[in-house]
Amino acid sequence: MFILCGNYMSQKIEEIVKNVLSLPINSRAYIAEVLLESLDLEEGFPLSYIWMNEIKKRCNEIDESKVQLVGGMEGLEQLHRKYF
């Protein structure tokens, strides 16, 4: 059973979670991305000065082609090869 803010989640939310978890990994990743992006739009979601600078730095590196972007699966494979 899932707990949210001290109360049990409604059966509808549990059903949604169950359905999402049954999807292929790419679909789950997309849904996770959309949900995480939706959190960024909420007011009162403060980012530290350090994290804001890191975000700006990374965006600039992408815009200036200083880094090469890779797909999610390729990135995970690279991390696995490097650390495992």
C-alpha atoms as a PDB file:
ATOM      1  CA  MET A   1       0.000   0.000   0.000  1.00  0.00           C
ATOM      2  CA  PHE A   2       1.303   3.467  -0.896  1.00  0.00           C
ATOM      3  CA  ILE A   3       1.203   6.344   1.579  1.00  0.00           C
ATOM      4  CA  LEU A   4       0.999   9.988   0.554  1.00  0.00           C
ATOM      5  CA  CYS A   5       1.172  12.724   3.179  1.00  0.00           C
ATOM      6  CA  GLY A   6       0.045  10.323   5.875  1.00  0.00           C
ATOM      7  CA  ASN A   7      -3.093   9.268   3.964  1.00  0.00           C
ATOM      8  CA  TYR A   8      -3.566   6.248   1.751  1.00  0.00           C
ATOM      9  CA  MET A   9      -3.535   7.034  -1.923  1.00  0.00           C
ATOM     10  CA  SER A  10      -6.876   6.758  -3.603  1.00  0.00           C
ATOM     11  CA  GLN A  11      -7.551   3.576  -5.479  1.00  0.00           C
ATOM     12  CA  LYS A  12      -7.605   5.592  -8.722  1.00  0.00           C
ATOM     13  CA  ILE A  13      -3.994   6.751  -8.210  1.00  0.00           C
ATOM     14  CA  GLU A  14      -2.907   3.216  -7.369  1.00  0.00           C
ATOM     15  CA  GLU A  15      -4.565   2.037 -10.582  1.00  0.00           C
ATOM     16  CA  ILE A  16      -2.752   4.711 -12.619  1.00  0.00           C
ATOM     17  CA  VAL A  17       0.591   3.749 -11.062  1.00  0.00           C
ATOM     18  CA  LYS A  18      -0.046   0.055 -11.766  1.00  0.00           C
ATOM     19  CA  ASN A  19      -0.917   0.815 -15.396  1.00  0.00           C
ATOM     20  CA  VAL A  20       2.115   3.049 -15.891  1.00  0.00           C
ATOM     21  CA  LEU A  21       4.467   0.465 -14.385  1.00  0.00           C
ATOM     22  CA  SER A  22       3.205  -2.092 -16.907  1.00  0.00           C
ATOM     23  CA  LEU A  23       4.303   0.093 -19.849  1.00  0.00           C
ATOM     24  CA  PRO A  24       7.579  -0.375 -21.725  1.00  0.00           C
ATOM     25  CA  ILE A  25      10.587   1.437 -20.260  1.00  0.00           C
ATOM     26  CA  ASN A  26      10.615   4.160 -22.949  1.00  0.00           C
ATOM     27  CA  SER A  27       6.995   5.013 -22.228  1.00  0.00           C
ATOM     28  CA  ARG A  28       7.630   5.105 -18.470  1.00  0.00           C
ATOM     29  CA  ALA A  29      10.657   7.351 -19.010  1.00  0.00           C
ATOM     30  CA  TYR A  30       8.569   9.742 -21.098  1.00  0.00           C
ATOM     31  CA  ILE A  31       5.853   9.905 -18.439  1.00  0.00           C
ATOM     32  CA  ALA A  32       8.477  10.478 -15.730  1.00  0.00           C
ATOM     33  CA  GLU A  33      10.007  13.309 -17.764  1.00  0.00           C
ATOM     34  CA  VAL A  34       6.637  14.993 -18.265  1.00  0.00           C
ATOM     35  CA  LEU A  35       5.810  14.700 -14.561  1.00  0.00           C
ATOM     36  CA  LEU A  36       9.195  16.075 -13.481  1.00  0.00           C
ATOM     37  CA  GLU A  37       8.897  18.990 -15.905  1.00  0.00           C
ATOM     38  CA  SER A  38       5.465  19.762 -14.471  1.00  0.00           C
ATOM     39  CA  LEU A  39       7.069  20.242 -11.039  1.00  0.00           C
ATOM     40  CA  ASP A  40       9.345  22.937 -12.443  1.00  0.00           C
ATOM     41  CA  LEU A  41       6.306  25.023 -13.366  1.00  0.00           C
ATOM     42  CA  GLU A  42       4.938  25.209  -9.854  1.00  0.00           C
ATOM     43  CA  GLU A  43       5.530  28.382  -7.915  1.00  0.00           C
ATOM     44  CA  GLY A  44       7.517  28.038  -4.753  1.00  0.00           C
ATOM     45  CA  PHE A  45       9.860  25.443  -6.217  1.00  0.00           C
ATOM     46  CA  PRO A  46      13.106  27.137  -5.240  1.00  0.00           C
ATOM     47  CA  LEU A  47      16.429  26.258  -6.829  1.00  0.00           C
ATOM     48  CA  SER A  48      19.637  27.039  -5.063  1.00  0.00           C
ATOM     49  CA  TYR A  49      22.010  29.580  -6.583  1.00  0.00           C
ATOM     50  CA  ILE A  50      24.569  26.816  -7.129  1.00  0.00           C
ATOM     51  CA  TRP A  51      22.095  24.581  -8.964  1.00  0.00           C
ATOM     52  CA  MET A  52      20.827  27.484 -11.128  1.00  0.00           C
ATOM     53  CA  ASN A  53      24.421  28.242 -12.166  1.00  0.00           C
ATOM     54  CA  GLU A  54      24.994  24.578 -13.006  1.00  0.00           C
ATOM     55  CA  ILE A  55      21.860  24.504 -15.166  1.00  0.00           C
ATOM     56  CA  LYS A  56      22.949  27.666 -17.005  1.00  0.00           C
ATOM     57  CA  LYS A  57      26.471  26.277 -17.497  1.00  0.00           C
ATOM     58  CA  ARG A  58      25.157  23.025 -18.958  1.00  0.00           C
ATOM     59  CA  CYS A  59      22.702  24.812 -21.251  1.00  0.00           C
ATOM     60  CA  ASN A  60      25.522  27.053 -22.520  1.00  0.00           C
ATOM     61  CA  GLU A  61      27.748  24.020 -23.134  1.00  0.00           C
ATOM     62  CA  ILE A  62      24.974  22.460 -25.224  1.00  0.00           C
ATOM     63  CA  ASP A  63      24.253  25.694 -27.123  1.00  0.00           C
ATOM     64  CA  GLU A  64      27.959  26.192 -27.888  1.00  0.00           C
ATOM     65  CA  SER A  65      28.439  22.523 -28.927  1.00  0.00           C
ATOM     66  CA  LYS A  66      31.061  22.037 -26.218  1.00  0.00           C
ATOM     67  CA  VAL A  67      29.465  18.742 -25.221  1.00  0.00           C
ATOM     68  CA  GLN A  68      28.036  15.901 -27.233  1.00  0.00           C
ATOM     69  CA  LEU A  69      24.558  14.786 -26.255  1.00  0.00           C
ATOM     70  CA  VAL A  70      23.791  11.082 -26.205  1.00  0.00           C
ATOM     71  CA  GLY A  71      20.520   9.206 -25.868  1.00  0.00           C
ATOM     72  CA  GLY A  72      19.414   7.918 -22.510  1.00  0.00           C
ATOM     73  CA  MET A  73      20.157   4.259 -23.181  1.00  0.00           C
ATOM     74  CA  GLU A  74      23.589   5.059 -24.621  1.00  0.00           C
ATOM     75  CA  GLY A  75      24.384   7.244 -21.616  1.00  0.00           C
ATOM     76  CA  LEU A  76      23.387   4.483 -19.207  1.00  0.00           C
ATOM     77  CA  GLU A  77      25.496   1.975 -21.144  1.00  0.00           C
ATOM     78  CA  GLN A  78      28.502   4.322 -20.966  1.00  0.00           C
ATOM     79  CA  LEU A  79      28.053   4.739 -17.208  1.00  0.00           C
ATOM     80  CA  HIS A  80      27.729   0.996 -16.749  1.00  0.00           C
ATOM     81  CA  ARG A  81      30.911   0.326 -18.753  1.00  0.00           C
ATOM     82  CA  LYS A  82      32.815   2.984 -16.820  1.00  0.00           C
ATOM     83  CA  TYR A  83      31.727   2.104 -13.274  1.00  0.00           C
ATOM     84  CA  PHE A  84      30.731  -1.562 -13.309  1.00  0.00           C
END
